[in-house]
N, C-alpha and C. Protein backbone atom coordinates (compact mmCIF):
# COMPACT_ATOMS: atom_id res chain seq x y z
N MET A 1 -16.88 52.27 42.20
CA MET A 1 -16.78 51.49 41.16
C MET A 1 -15.85 51.17 39.63
N LYS A 2 -15.62 52.44 40.02
CA LYS A 2 -14.77 52.75 38.92
C LYS A 2 -13.45 51.72 38.87
N LYS A 3 -12.85 51.74 40.30
CA LYS A 3 -11.72 51.34 40.56
C LYS A 3 -12.08 49.70 40.85
N LEU A 4 -13.46 48.84 40.64
CA LEU A 4 -13.46 47.26 41.04
C LEU A 4 -13.40 47.41 39.69
N SER A 5 -13.74 48.13 38.49
CA SER A 5 -13.53 47.65 37.25
C SER A 5 -12.25 47.27 36.80
N ILE A 6 -11.15 48.53 37.12
CA ILE A 6 -10.03 48.43 36.80
C ILE A 6 -9.29 47.19 37.34
N MET A 7 -9.27 46.67 38.60
CA MET A 7 -9.23 45.84 39.34
C MET A 7 -9.37 44.55 38.73
N VAL A 8 -10.88 44.43 38.11
CA VAL A 8 -11.51 43.17 37.66
C VAL A 8 -10.35 42.66 35.93
N SER A 9 -10.38 43.83 35.65
CA SER A 9 -9.49 43.81 34.55
C SER A 9 -8.24 43.61 34.43
N ILE A 10 -7.58 44.16 35.34
CA ILE A 10 -6.02 43.53 35.75
C ILE A 10 -5.95 42.29 36.00
N LEU A 11 -7.01 41.84 36.96
CA LEU A 11 -7.07 40.35 37.16
C LEU A 11 -7.52 39.31 35.83
N PHE A 12 -8.25 39.98 34.95
CA PHE A 12 -8.39 39.16 34.00
C PHE A 12 -7.21 38.64 32.75
N LEU A 13 -6.49 40.16 32.77
CA LEU A 13 -5.12 40.10 31.98
C LEU A 13 -4.04 38.94 32.79
N ALA A 14 -3.77 39.68 33.59
CA ALA A 14 -3.04 38.34 34.65
C ALA A 14 -3.14 37.00 34.44
N ALA A 15 -4.48 36.88 34.06
CA ALA A 15 -5.14 35.11 34.13
C ALA A 15 -4.65 34.64 32.71
N CYS A 16 -4.96 35.69 31.91
CA CYS A 16 -4.42 35.39 30.26
C CYS A 16 -3.04 34.78 30.25
N SER A 17 -2.10 36.24 30.81
CA SER A 17 -0.86 36.07 31.05
C SER A 17 -0.22 34.89 31.24
N ALA A 18 -0.54 34.49 32.48
CA ALA A 18 -0.44 33.18 33.45
C ALA A 18 -0.80 31.89 32.53
N LYS A 19 -1.97 32.10 31.60
CA LYS A 19 -2.28 30.84 31.27
C LYS A 19 -1.09 30.66 29.77
N ASN A 20 -1.00 31.89 29.11
CA ASN A 20 0.04 31.73 27.78
C ASN A 20 0.98 31.31 28.27
N LEU A 21 1.70 31.82 29.83
CA LEU A 21 3.23 31.24 30.07
C LEU A 21 2.96 29.58 29.77
N THR A 22 1.90 29.23 30.55
CA THR A 22 1.52 27.67 31.06
C THR A 22 1.95 26.67 29.50
N ASP A 23 1.13 27.62 28.58
CA ASP A 23 0.74 27.11 27.27
C ASP A 23 2.62 26.73 27.08
N GLU A 24 3.07 27.85 26.58
CA GLU A 24 3.97 27.99 26.31
C GLU A 24 5.66 27.07 26.65
N ARG A 25 5.22 26.60 28.29
CA ARG A 25 6.16 26.07 28.64
C ARG A 25 5.99 24.50 28.11
N ALA A 26 4.18 24.49 28.10
CA ALA A 26 3.95 22.98 28.04
C ALA A 26 4.15 22.70 26.67
N LYS A 27 5.09 23.52 25.57
CA LYS A 27 5.17 22.49 24.52
C LYS A 27 6.49 22.70 24.29
N PRO A 28 7.47 21.54 23.70
CA PRO A 28 8.58 21.36 23.63
C PRO A 28 9.05 22.43 22.58
N GLU A 29 10.46 22.52 22.46
CA GLU A 29 11.26 23.25 21.80
C GLU A 29 11.33 22.37 20.20
N THR A 30 11.08 23.09 19.59
CA THR A 30 11.59 22.35 18.16
C THR A 30 12.44 22.64 17.10
N SER A 31 13.23 22.43 16.59
CA SER A 31 14.16 22.96 15.57
C SER A 31 13.27 22.53 14.22
N VAL A 32 13.53 23.72 13.25
CA VAL A 32 12.75 23.66 12.17
C VAL A 32 13.77 23.90 11.15
N VAL A 33 14.02 22.48 10.33
CA VAL A 33 14.52 22.98 9.09
C VAL A 33 13.74 23.19 8.03
N GLU A 34 14.56 24.37 6.81
CA GLU A 34 13.93 25.36 6.03
C GLU A 34 14.84 25.33 4.74
N VAL A 35 13.99 24.83 3.83
CA VAL A 35 14.31 24.43 2.17
C VAL A 35 13.66 25.51 1.72
N SER A 36 14.23 26.82 1.01
CA SER A 36 14.10 27.52 0.40
C SER A 36 12.87 28.64 0.86
N GLY A 37 13.32 28.69 2.37
CA GLY A 37 12.21 29.32 3.12
C GLY A 37 11.16 28.34 3.25
N THR A 38 10.83 27.57 3.42
CA THR A 38 9.78 26.69 3.68
C THR A 38 9.65 25.81 4.75
N ALA A 39 9.20 25.80 5.52
CA ALA A 39 9.16 24.46 6.83
C ALA A 39 9.25 23.46 6.31
N VAL A 40 10.16 22.37 6.22
CA VAL A 40 9.54 20.85 5.42
C VAL A 40 9.81 20.05 6.61
N HIS A 41 10.45 20.22 7.81
CA HIS A 41 10.43 18.97 8.89
C HIS A 41 10.38 19.92 10.39
N GLN A 42 10.04 19.31 11.38
CA GLN A 42 10.30 19.69 12.80
C GLN A 42 10.51 18.55 13.47
N GLN A 43 11.32 18.53 14.22
CA GLN A 43 11.75 17.72 15.32
C GLN A 43 11.82 18.29 16.63
N PRO A 44 11.34 17.88 17.72
CA PRO A 44 11.76 18.45 18.79
C PRO A 44 12.91 17.84 19.44
N GLU A 45 13.26 19.18 19.98
CA GLU A 45 14.98 19.08 20.66
C GLU A 45 14.96 18.61 21.68
N GLY A 46 15.99 17.55 21.53
CA GLY A 46 16.50 16.63 22.85
C GLY A 46 15.99 15.05 22.34
N GLU A 47 15.04 14.86 21.16
CA GLU A 47 14.72 13.63 20.88
C GLU A 47 15.83 13.33 19.75
N GLU A 48 16.05 11.95 19.66
CA GLU A 48 16.82 11.33 18.28
C GLU A 48 16.13 11.45 17.12
N GLU A 49 16.74 11.78 16.04
CA GLU A 49 16.07 11.98 14.50
C GLU A 49 15.21 10.31 14.37
N GLN A 50 14.30 10.72 14.25
CA GLN A 50 13.29 9.12 13.35
C GLN A 50 13.66 8.58 12.14
N GLU A 51 13.77 7.78 11.61
CA GLU A 51 13.81 6.87 10.16
C GLU A 51 12.50 7.06 9.32
N TYR A 52 12.54 7.33 8.77
CA TYR A 52 11.31 7.64 7.70
C TYR A 52 11.41 6.41 6.39
N ILE A 53 10.37 6.04 5.84
CA ILE A 53 10.00 5.67 4.62
C ILE A 53 10.71 6.65 3.94
N LYS A 54 10.93 6.57 2.77
CA LYS A 54 11.52 7.04 1.61
C LYS A 54 11.65 6.59 0.26
N ILE A 55 10.91 7.23 -0.60
CA ILE A 55 10.54 7.05 -1.89
C ILE A 55 11.05 8.27 -2.50
N LEU A 56 12.40 7.95 -3.49
CA LEU A 56 12.56 8.90 -4.04
C LEU A 56 12.03 9.73 -5.16
N LYS A 57 12.06 11.34 -5.14
CA LYS A 57 11.34 11.74 -5.92
C LYS A 57 11.14 11.65 -7.15
N ASP A 58 12.34 11.36 -7.62
CA ASP A 58 12.26 10.64 -9.02
C ASP A 58 11.15 9.38 -9.54
N ASP A 59 11.08 8.29 -8.37
CA ASP A 59 10.87 7.29 -8.52
C ASP A 59 9.12 7.42 -8.19
N ALA A 60 9.00 8.54 -6.87
CA ALA A 60 7.31 8.49 -7.15
C ALA A 60 6.25 8.98 -7.89
N PRO A 61 6.39 9.62 -9.00
CA PRO A 61 5.34 9.60 -10.06
C PRO A 61 5.42 8.48 -11.01
N LYS A 62 6.55 7.39 -11.08
CA LYS A 62 6.37 6.36 -11.83
C LYS A 62 5.22 5.13 -11.01
N LEU A 63 5.56 5.33 -9.80
CA LEU A 63 4.07 4.43 -9.11
C LEU A 63 3.53 4.38 -9.96
N TRP A 64 2.57 5.04 -10.17
CA TRP A 64 0.99 5.44 -10.79
C TRP A 64 1.79 4.54 -12.46
N SER A 65 2.23 4.81 -12.73
CA SER A 65 2.46 4.43 -13.90
C SER A 65 2.87 2.82 -14.55
N ASP A 66 3.15 2.25 -13.16
CA ASP A 66 3.38 0.98 -13.28
C ASP A 66 2.37 -0.15 -12.50
N ALA A 67 1.90 -0.52 -12.81
CA ALA A 67 0.56 -1.60 -12.46
C ALA A 67 1.20 -2.43 -11.88
N ASP A 68 2.25 -3.02 -11.83
CA ASP A 68 3.27 -4.19 -11.12
C ASP A 68 3.83 -3.86 -10.22
N VAL A 69 3.61 -2.33 -9.61
CA VAL A 69 4.74 -2.16 -8.66
C VAL A 69 3.80 -2.65 -7.31
N GLN A 70 4.85 -2.84 -6.02
CA GLN A 70 4.58 -3.26 -4.95
C GLN A 70 4.54 -2.34 -3.77
N LEU A 71 3.72 -1.75 -3.67
CA LEU A 71 4.08 -0.56 -2.54
C LEU A 71 4.55 -1.15 -1.06
N TRP A 72 3.98 -2.14 -0.80
CA TRP A 72 4.59 -2.84 0.24
C TRP A 72 5.67 -3.07 0.37
N LYS A 73 6.73 -3.16 -0.35
CA LYS A 73 7.88 -4.03 -0.53
C LYS A 73 8.84 -1.83 0.56
N TYR A 74 8.19 -1.14 -0.25
CA TYR A 74 8.96 -0.04 0.64
C TYR A 74 8.78 -0.15 2.20
N VAL A 75 7.53 -0.66 2.71
CA VAL A 75 7.68 -0.86 4.24
C VAL A 75 8.17 -1.94 4.77
N SER A 76 8.81 -2.77 4.21
CA SER A 76 9.03 -4.14 4.91
C SER A 76 10.69 -4.04 5.18
N ASP A 77 10.57 -4.64 6.13
CA ASP A 77 12.07 -4.88 6.63
C ASP A 77 12.97 -6.25 6.17
N TYR A 78 13.63 -6.35 5.35
CA TYR A 78 14.46 -7.36 5.37
C TYR A 78 15.71 -8.11 6.12
N SER A 79 16.21 -6.80 6.67
CA SER A 79 17.21 -6.73 7.35
C SER A 79 17.79 -8.37 8.23
N LEU A 80 16.96 -8.93 8.52
CA LEU A 80 17.10 -10.04 9.42
C LEU A 80 17.42 -11.30 8.74
N SER A 81 16.37 -11.47 7.54
CA SER A 81 16.36 -12.74 6.80
C SER A 81 18.01 -12.04 5.91
N GLU A 82 18.06 -11.27 5.06
CA GLU A 82 19.55 -10.68 4.64
C GLU A 82 20.67 -11.25 5.19
N GLU A 83 20.24 -11.06 6.83
CA GLU A 83 22.00 -11.43 7.93
C GLU A 83 21.97 -12.78 7.90
N MET A 84 20.51 -13.61 7.85
CA MET A 84 20.90 -15.02 7.50
C MET A 84 20.92 -15.69 6.11
N GLY A 85 21.24 -14.94 5.51
CA GLY A 85 21.26 -15.43 4.17
C GLY A 85 20.45 -15.61 3.16
N TYR A 86 19.64 -15.30 3.23
CA TYR A 86 18.20 -15.80 2.64
C TYR A 86 17.81 -14.28 1.48
N LYS A 87 17.70 -14.54 0.42
CA LYS A 87 17.44 -13.45 -0.33
C LYS A 87 15.80 -13.58 -1.16
N GLN A 88 15.12 -12.36 -1.33
CA GLN A 88 13.81 -12.25 -1.66
C GLN A 88 13.76 -12.56 -2.93
N GLU A 89 12.93 -13.51 -3.53
CA GLU A 89 12.85 -13.13 -4.71
C GLU A 89 11.36 -13.73 -5.53
N ILE A 90 11.28 -13.39 -6.50
CA ILE A 90 9.40 -13.26 -7.27
C ILE A 90 9.71 -14.67 -8.05
N THR A 91 8.81 -15.29 -7.92
CA THR A 91 8.54 -16.79 -9.12
C THR A 91 8.22 -15.87 -10.39
N SER A 92 8.21 -17.06 -11.56
CA SER A 92 8.17 -16.58 -12.46
C SER A 92 6.26 -16.67 -12.79
N TRP A 93 6.05 -16.40 -13.53
CA TRP A 93 4.02 -16.03 -13.90
C TRP A 93 3.61 -17.32 -14.14
N ARG A 94 3.09 -18.07 -14.00
CA ARG A 94 2.55 -19.34 -14.41
C ARG A 94 1.09 -19.34 -14.39
N LYS A 95 0.68 -20.44 -15.34
CA LYS A 95 -1.05 -20.31 -15.26
C LYS A 95 -1.29 -20.46 -14.11
N LEU A 96 -2.60 -19.88 -13.70
CA LEU A 96 -3.16 -20.36 -12.58
C LEU A 96 -3.76 -21.60 -12.38
N GLU A 97 -3.65 -22.04 -11.07
CA GLU A 97 -3.86 -23.70 -11.07
C GLU A 97 -5.34 -23.27 -10.60
N GLY A 98 -5.56 -22.83 -9.84
CA GLY A 98 -7.35 -22.73 -9.41
C GLY A 98 -8.47 -22.25 -10.64
N GLU A 99 -9.29 -23.31 -10.42
CA GLU A 99 -10.88 -23.00 -11.69
C GLU A 99 -11.66 -21.80 -11.00
N PHE A 100 -11.85 -21.15 -12.10
CA PHE A 100 -13.06 -20.37 -11.97
C PHE A 100 -13.78 -20.66 -12.47
N ASP A 101 -15.26 -19.65 -12.57
CA ASP A 101 -16.20 -19.91 -13.05
C ASP A 101 -16.61 -19.81 -14.78
N LYS A 102 -16.27 -20.33 -15.40
CA LYS A 102 -15.72 -19.99 -17.19
C LYS A 102 -16.82 -19.32 -17.28
N SER A 103 -18.05 -18.76 -17.13
CA SER A 103 -18.61 -17.67 -17.78
C SER A 103 -17.92 -16.17 -18.03
N LEU A 104 -16.76 -16.10 -16.68
CA LEU A 104 -15.97 -14.83 -16.78
C LEU A 104 -15.00 -15.08 -17.64
N SER A 105 -14.76 -16.15 -18.18
CA SER A 105 -13.67 -16.37 -19.81
C SER A 105 -14.83 -16.23 -20.82
N MET A 106 -15.70 -15.70 -21.04
CA MET A 106 -16.72 -16.34 -22.25
C MET A 106 -17.32 -14.74 -22.48
N PRO A 107 -17.09 -14.79 -24.14
CA PRO A 107 -17.77 -13.15 -24.19
C PRO A 107 -19.12 -13.16 -24.17
N ASN A 108 -19.78 -12.00 -23.45
CA ASN A 108 -21.37 -12.13 -22.97
C ASN A 108 -21.72 -10.74 -22.83
N GLN A 109 -22.78 -10.16 -22.31
CA GLN A 109 -23.14 -8.85 -22.03
C GLN A 109 -23.43 -8.75 -20.49
N THR A 110 -22.30 -9.28 -19.73
CA THR A 110 -22.40 -8.98 -18.48
C THR A 110 -21.54 -7.81 -18.01
N TRP A 111 -20.32 -7.74 -17.94
CA TRP A 111 -19.10 -7.13 -17.50
C TRP A 111 -18.84 -5.73 -18.17
N GLU A 112 -19.30 -4.35 -18.09
CA GLU A 112 -19.33 -3.05 -19.17
C GLU A 112 -17.60 -2.90 -18.95
N ASN A 113 -17.27 -3.38 -17.83
CA ASN A 113 -15.65 -2.61 -17.63
C ASN A 113 -14.92 -3.36 -17.07
N PRO A 114 -13.36 -3.44 -17.30
CA PRO A 114 -12.59 -4.36 -16.07
C PRO A 114 -12.61 -4.69 -14.83
N GLY A 115 -12.92 -3.62 -13.93
CA GLY A 115 -13.11 -3.10 -12.93
C GLY A 115 -14.21 -4.20 -12.24
N LYS A 116 -15.38 -4.50 -13.13
CA LYS A 116 -16.57 -5.23 -12.32
C LYS A 116 -16.09 -6.52 -12.75
N LEU A 117 -15.20 -6.71 -14.11
CA LEU A 117 -14.99 -8.30 -13.90
C LEU A 117 -14.03 -8.84 -12.90
N LEU A 118 -12.82 -7.96 -12.73
CA LEU A 118 -11.99 -7.91 -11.98
C LEU A 118 -12.68 -8.86 -10.22
N LEU A 119 -13.45 -7.82 -10.22
CA LEU A 119 -13.78 -7.74 -8.80
C LEU A 119 -15.09 -9.15 -8.84
N ALA A 120 -15.77 -9.53 -10.36
CA ALA A 120 -16.57 -10.46 -9.96
C ALA A 120 -15.74 -12.10 -9.78
N PHE A 121 -14.52 -11.50 -10.02
CA PHE A 121 -13.53 -12.97 -10.40
C PHE A 121 -13.01 -13.22 -8.88
N MET A 122 -12.57 -12.18 -8.25
CA MET A 122 -11.89 -12.22 -6.67
C MET A 122 -13.14 -12.64 -5.95
N THR A 123 -14.51 -12.48 -5.94
CA THR A 123 -16.05 -13.21 -5.49
C THR A 123 -15.88 -14.27 -5.57
N ASP A 124 -15.76 -14.76 -6.91
CA ASP A 124 -15.80 -16.21 -7.37
C ASP A 124 -14.65 -17.05 -7.01
N MET A 125 -13.23 -16.44 -6.43
CA MET A 125 -12.47 -17.16 -6.26
C MET A 125 -11.72 -16.91 -4.80
N GLU A 126 -12.97 -16.17 -4.17
CA GLU A 126 -13.07 -16.49 -2.67
C GLU A 126 -11.80 -15.78 -2.28
N VAL A 127 -10.95 -15.07 -2.88
CA VAL A 127 -9.78 -13.97 -2.71
C VAL A 127 -9.47 -13.36 -1.29
N SER A 128 -10.68 -13.18 -1.16
CA SER A 128 -10.77 -12.38 0.36
C SER A 128 -11.12 -12.72 1.89
N ASN A 129 -11.53 -14.31 1.33
CA ASN A 129 -12.08 -14.84 2.51
C ASN A 129 -10.71 -15.12 4.14
N PHE A 130 -9.59 -15.43 3.58
CA PHE A 130 -8.97 -15.37 5.00
C PHE A 130 -8.30 -14.19 5.06
N LEU A 131 -8.86 -12.77 4.95
CA LEU A 131 -8.20 -11.64 5.91
C LEU A 131 -8.31 -11.83 6.89
N GLY A 132 -7.25 -11.12 7.57
CA GLY A 132 -7.58 -10.63 8.88
C GLY A 132 -7.11 -12.30 9.65
N GLN A 133 -6.67 -13.09 8.79
CA GLN A 133 -6.29 -14.41 9.30
C GLN A 133 -5.42 -14.87 8.44
N GLY A 134 -5.43 -15.05 7.32
CA GLY A 134 -4.13 -16.10 6.75
C GLY A 134 -3.31 -15.01 5.95
N ILE A 135 -4.20 -13.74 6.20
CA ILE A 135 -3.49 -12.74 4.96
C ILE A 135 -4.00 -11.45 5.27
N TRP A 136 -2.84 -10.85 4.99
CA TRP A 136 -3.23 -9.25 5.91
C TRP A 136 -3.78 -8.44 4.93
N GLU A 137 -3.25 -8.46 3.60
CA GLU A 137 -4.22 -7.11 3.11
C GLU A 137 -4.24 -7.84 1.61
N VAL A 138 -5.19 -7.28 1.05
CA VAL A 138 -5.38 -7.77 -0.81
C VAL A 138 -5.64 -6.76 -1.60
N ASN A 139 -5.24 -6.18 -2.73
CA ASN A 139 -5.19 -4.58 -3.63
C ASN A 139 -5.68 -5.38 -4.50
N SER A 140 -6.28 -4.49 -5.29
CA SER A 140 -6.47 -4.68 -6.89
C SER A 140 -6.32 -3.68 -7.59
N ARG A 141 -6.14 -4.02 -8.91
CA ARG A 141 -5.18 -3.09 -9.95
C ARG A 141 -5.56 -3.22 -11.18
N ILE A 142 -6.01 -1.95 -12.09
CA ILE A 142 -6.13 -2.48 -13.33
C ILE A 142 -5.34 -1.50 -14.18
N GLU A 143 -4.71 -1.93 -15.26
CA GLU A 143 -4.14 -1.83 -16.31
C GLU A 143 -4.09 -1.63 -17.07
N PHE A 144 -4.75 -0.26 -18.24
CA PHE A 144 -5.32 -0.32 -19.51
C PHE A 144 -4.13 -0.17 -20.18
N LEU A 145 -4.01 -1.39 -21.67
CA LEU A 145 -3.19 -1.23 -22.93
C LEU A 145 -3.71 -0.67 -23.69
N ASP A 146 -4.78 -1.03 -24.20
CA ASP A 146 -5.48 0.18 -25.33
C ASP A 146 -6.76 0.22 -24.87
N GLY A 147 -8.07 0.68 -25.71
CA GLY A 147 -9.00 0.61 -25.38
C GLY A 147 -10.28 -0.71 -25.27
N ASN A 148 -9.12 -1.89 -25.80
CA ASN A 148 -10.13 -3.58 -25.84
C ASN A 148 -9.25 -4.18 -24.89
N ASN A 149 -7.47 -3.87 -24.48
CA ASN A 149 -7.34 -4.75 -23.66
C ASN A 149 -6.84 -4.12 -22.28
N ALA A 150 -6.71 -4.88 -21.22
CA ALA A 150 -6.32 -4.84 -19.91
C ALA A 150 -5.98 -5.53 -19.00
N LEU A 151 -5.02 -5.51 -18.16
CA LEU A 151 -4.46 -6.86 -17.26
C LEU A 151 -4.96 -5.98 -16.01
N GLY A 152 -5.34 -7.36 -14.90
CA GLY A 152 -6.02 -7.15 -13.35
C GLY A 152 -5.42 -7.68 -12.67
N TYR A 153 -4.44 -7.30 -11.83
CA TYR A 153 -3.94 -7.58 -10.58
C TYR A 153 -4.42 -7.51 -9.90
N ILE A 154 -4.66 -9.02 -8.87
CA ILE A 154 -5.09 -9.50 -7.53
C ILE A 154 -3.59 -9.27 -6.57
N MET A 155 -3.40 -8.81 -5.59
CA MET A 155 -1.69 -8.75 -4.90
C MET A 155 -2.28 -8.82 -3.46
N SER A 156 -1.85 -10.06 -2.93
CA SER A 156 -2.03 -10.54 -1.39
C SER A 156 -0.52 -10.55 -1.05
N TYR A 157 -0.86 -9.45 0.43
CA TYR A 157 0.40 -9.37 0.89
C TYR A 157 0.17 -9.94 2.31
N GLY A 158 1.65 -10.39 3.11
CA GLY A 158 1.12 -10.84 4.51
C GLY A 158 0.58 -11.75 5.24
N LEU A 159 1.07 -13.02 4.24
CA LEU A 159 0.48 -14.32 4.53
C LEU A 159 1.13 -14.85 5.22
N TYR A 160 0.52 -15.85 5.93
CA TYR A 160 0.33 -16.27 7.43
C TYR A 160 1.50 -17.37 7.12
N ASP A 161 2.70 -16.87 6.90
CA ASP A 161 3.65 -18.57 5.69
C ASP A 161 5.37 -17.93 5.83
N ASP A 162 6.11 -18.87 6.42
CA ASP A 162 7.92 -18.07 6.58
C ASP A 162 8.18 -18.47 5.39
N SER A 163 7.23 -19.23 4.15
CA SER A 163 8.32 -18.99 3.30
C SER A 163 8.13 -17.80 1.63
N ALA A 164 6.38 -17.86 2.21
CA ALA A 164 6.20 -16.60 0.97
C ALA A 164 5.65 -15.55 1.83
N ALA A 165 5.87 -14.68 1.11
CA ALA A 165 5.30 -13.24 1.87
C ALA A 165 4.18 -12.37 0.88
N GLY A 166 4.20 -12.98 -0.31
CA GLY A 166 2.85 -12.47 -0.70
C GLY A 166 2.73 -13.57 -2.20
N SER A 167 1.41 -13.05 -2.58
CA SER A 167 1.30 -13.98 -3.85
C SER A 167 0.43 -12.64 -4.64
N ASP A 168 0.74 -13.07 -6.14
CA ASP A 168 -0.32 -12.33 -7.22
C ASP A 168 -0.87 -12.97 -8.36
N ILE A 169 -1.75 -12.27 -8.48
CA ILE A 169 -2.75 -12.91 -9.61
C ILE A 169 -2.99 -12.01 -10.80
N LYS A 170 -2.89 -12.24 -12.09
CA LYS A 170 -2.82 -11.29 -13.41
C LYS A 170 -3.66 -11.89 -14.29
N LEU A 171 -4.71 -11.34 -14.46
CA LEU A 171 -5.93 -11.48 -15.58
C LEU A 171 -5.37 -10.72 -16.79
N LYS A 172 -5.68 -11.21 -18.21
CA LYS A 172 -5.50 -10.54 -19.09
C LYS A 172 -7.07 -10.43 -19.77
N MET A 173 -7.44 -9.41 -19.64
CA MET A 173 -9.26 -9.08 -19.85
C MET A 173 -9.24 -8.47 -21.02
N LYS A 174 -10.16 -8.89 -22.18
CA LYS A 174 -10.33 -8.13 -23.25
C LYS A 174 -11.89 -7.94 -23.43
N LYS A 175 -12.20 -6.66 -24.15
CA LYS A 175 -13.54 -6.16 -24.51
C LYS A 175 -13.57 -6.60 -25.71
N GLU A 176 -14.80 -7.32 -26.20
CA GLU A 176 -15.53 -7.69 -27.11
C GLU A 176 -17.07 -7.41 -27.47
N ASN A 177 -17.84 -6.33 -28.47
CA ASN A 177 -18.65 -5.91 -28.25
C ASN A 177 -19.37 -5.30 -27.13
N GLY A 178 -18.35 -4.53 -26.35
CA GLY A 178 -18.77 -3.55 -25.78
C GLY A 178 -18.92 -4.06 -24.46
N PHE A 179 -18.27 -5.39 -24.22
CA PHE A 179 -18.29 -5.84 -22.27
C PHE A 179 -16.87 -6.50 -22.78
N TRP A 180 -16.54 -7.34 -21.06
CA TRP A 180 -15.32 -7.57 -20.81
C TRP A 180 -15.63 -8.79 -20.45
N TYR A 181 -14.20 -9.85 -20.96
CA TYR A 181 -14.11 -11.12 -20.32
C TYR A 181 -12.37 -11.31 -19.99
N ILE A 182 -12.28 -12.52 -19.41
CA ILE A 182 -10.83 -12.94 -19.35
C ILE A 182 -10.70 -14.08 -20.24
N GLU A 183 -9.18 -13.66 -20.86
CA GLU A 183 -8.67 -14.23 -22.00
C GLU A 183 -7.36 -15.22 -21.16
N SER A 184 -7.01 -14.95 -19.72
CA SER A 184 -5.91 -15.82 -19.47
C SER A 184 -5.28 -15.57 -18.19
N ALA A 185 -5.35 -16.09 -16.89
CA ALA A 185 -4.97 -15.98 -15.72
C ALA A 185 -4.08 -16.62 -15.26
N GLU A 186 -3.16 -15.57 -14.44
CA GLU A 186 -1.92 -16.32 -14.27
C GLU A 186 -1.20 -16.13 -12.76
N GLU A 187 -0.44 -16.90 -12.01
CA GLU A 187 -0.03 -16.23 -10.83
C GLU A 187 1.67 -16.41 -10.37
N ARG A 188 2.11 -15.81 -9.31
CA ARG A 188 3.75 -15.66 -9.33
C ARG A 188 2.95 -15.75 -7.49
N GLU A 189 4.19 -16.09 -6.81
CA GLU A 189 4.78 -15.38 -5.53
C GLU A 189 6.07 -15.10 -4.93
N HIS A 190 5.57 -14.33 -3.89
CA HIS A 190 6.79 -13.34 -3.95
C HIS A 190 7.91 -14.42 -2.12
N CYS A 191 8.84 -15.05 -2.69
CA CYS A 191 9.58 -15.70 -1.67
C CYS A 191 10.19 -14.63 -0.80
N SER A 192 9.89 -15.58 0.69
CA SER A 192 11.14 -15.05 1.49
C SER A 192 12.48 -15.36 1.92
N ARG A 193 12.98 -16.30 1.09
CA ARG A 193 13.55 -17.03 1.46
C ARG A 193 14.29 -17.75 0.29
N GLY A 194 13.92 -17.10 -0.68
CA GLY A 194 14.72 -17.56 -2.23
C GLY A 194 13.57 -18.61 -2.95
N ILE A 195 14.04 -18.94 -3.82
CA ILE A 195 13.31 -19.86 -5.12
C ILE A 195 14.24 -21.44 -5.42
N GLY A 196 13.61 -22.21 -4.90
CA GLY A 196 14.04 -23.43 -5.72
C GLY A 196 14.85 -23.50 -6.54
N GLU A 197 15.86 -23.76 -6.73
CA GLU A 197 16.57 -23.95 -8.00
C GLU A 197 15.83 -24.94 -9.02
N LYS A 198 15.54 -26.51 -8.37
CA LYS A 198 14.62 -27.34 -9.32
C LYS A 198 13.25 -27.06 -9.41
N SER A 199 12.28 -26.82 -8.02
CA SER A 199 11.23 -26.34 -8.34
C SER A 199 11.01 -25.34 -8.81
N GLY A 200 11.22 -23.99 -8.56
CA GLY A 200 10.88 -23.01 -9.43
C GLY A 200 10.42 -22.60 -8.22
N PHE A 201 9.67 -23.06 -6.83
CA PHE A 201 8.68 -22.21 -6.00
C PHE A 201 9.42 -21.86 -5.09
N CYS A 202 8.97 -21.34 -3.60
CA CYS A 202 9.34 -20.51 -2.75
C CYS A 202 9.90 -21.85 -2.06
N ILE A 203 11.01 -21.64 -1.34
CA ILE A 203 11.83 -22.64 0.05
C ILE A 203 11.58 -22.31 0.84
């Protein structure tokens, strides 16, 4: 009985060793780059180094403080359009052409913060109606200028358009008697092929 127990133990240990050997062989060898003793990157040996999206360390904290920053620009590839002689440009801000509910721009007792007011504007203007069809994404952002003034940004990117890559709406919002309303609204476009000298719009 004692011999049988020893044989079972030996077989069990052999099976575990074989499994560990198989697992180790299945893992690709990796090279680890260390900075001050801390591993920061692993690259499987034999594979080409991949390119990554890079944001400078000094720039990253500034992204939060800049309400107008366009993060999608960090992941866009403009090399082909640049080779064709096109230049990416942004039109100047101009008064919003579309009309929105007048109650949004009147002091009242409805919107207790600019976020709710911005959402009400987006709903009224049906900003998200073409998501997944003519627009890839819509982002919103609030920048507080002080306790009673704020800017709201609505940024649409990935337009199904070969002229404009994206468009923005900027709302100037004001607080009065504890509630917010829209003081003014502007818009602009991000042009893939530059801006017309005479028109001021994307070409």
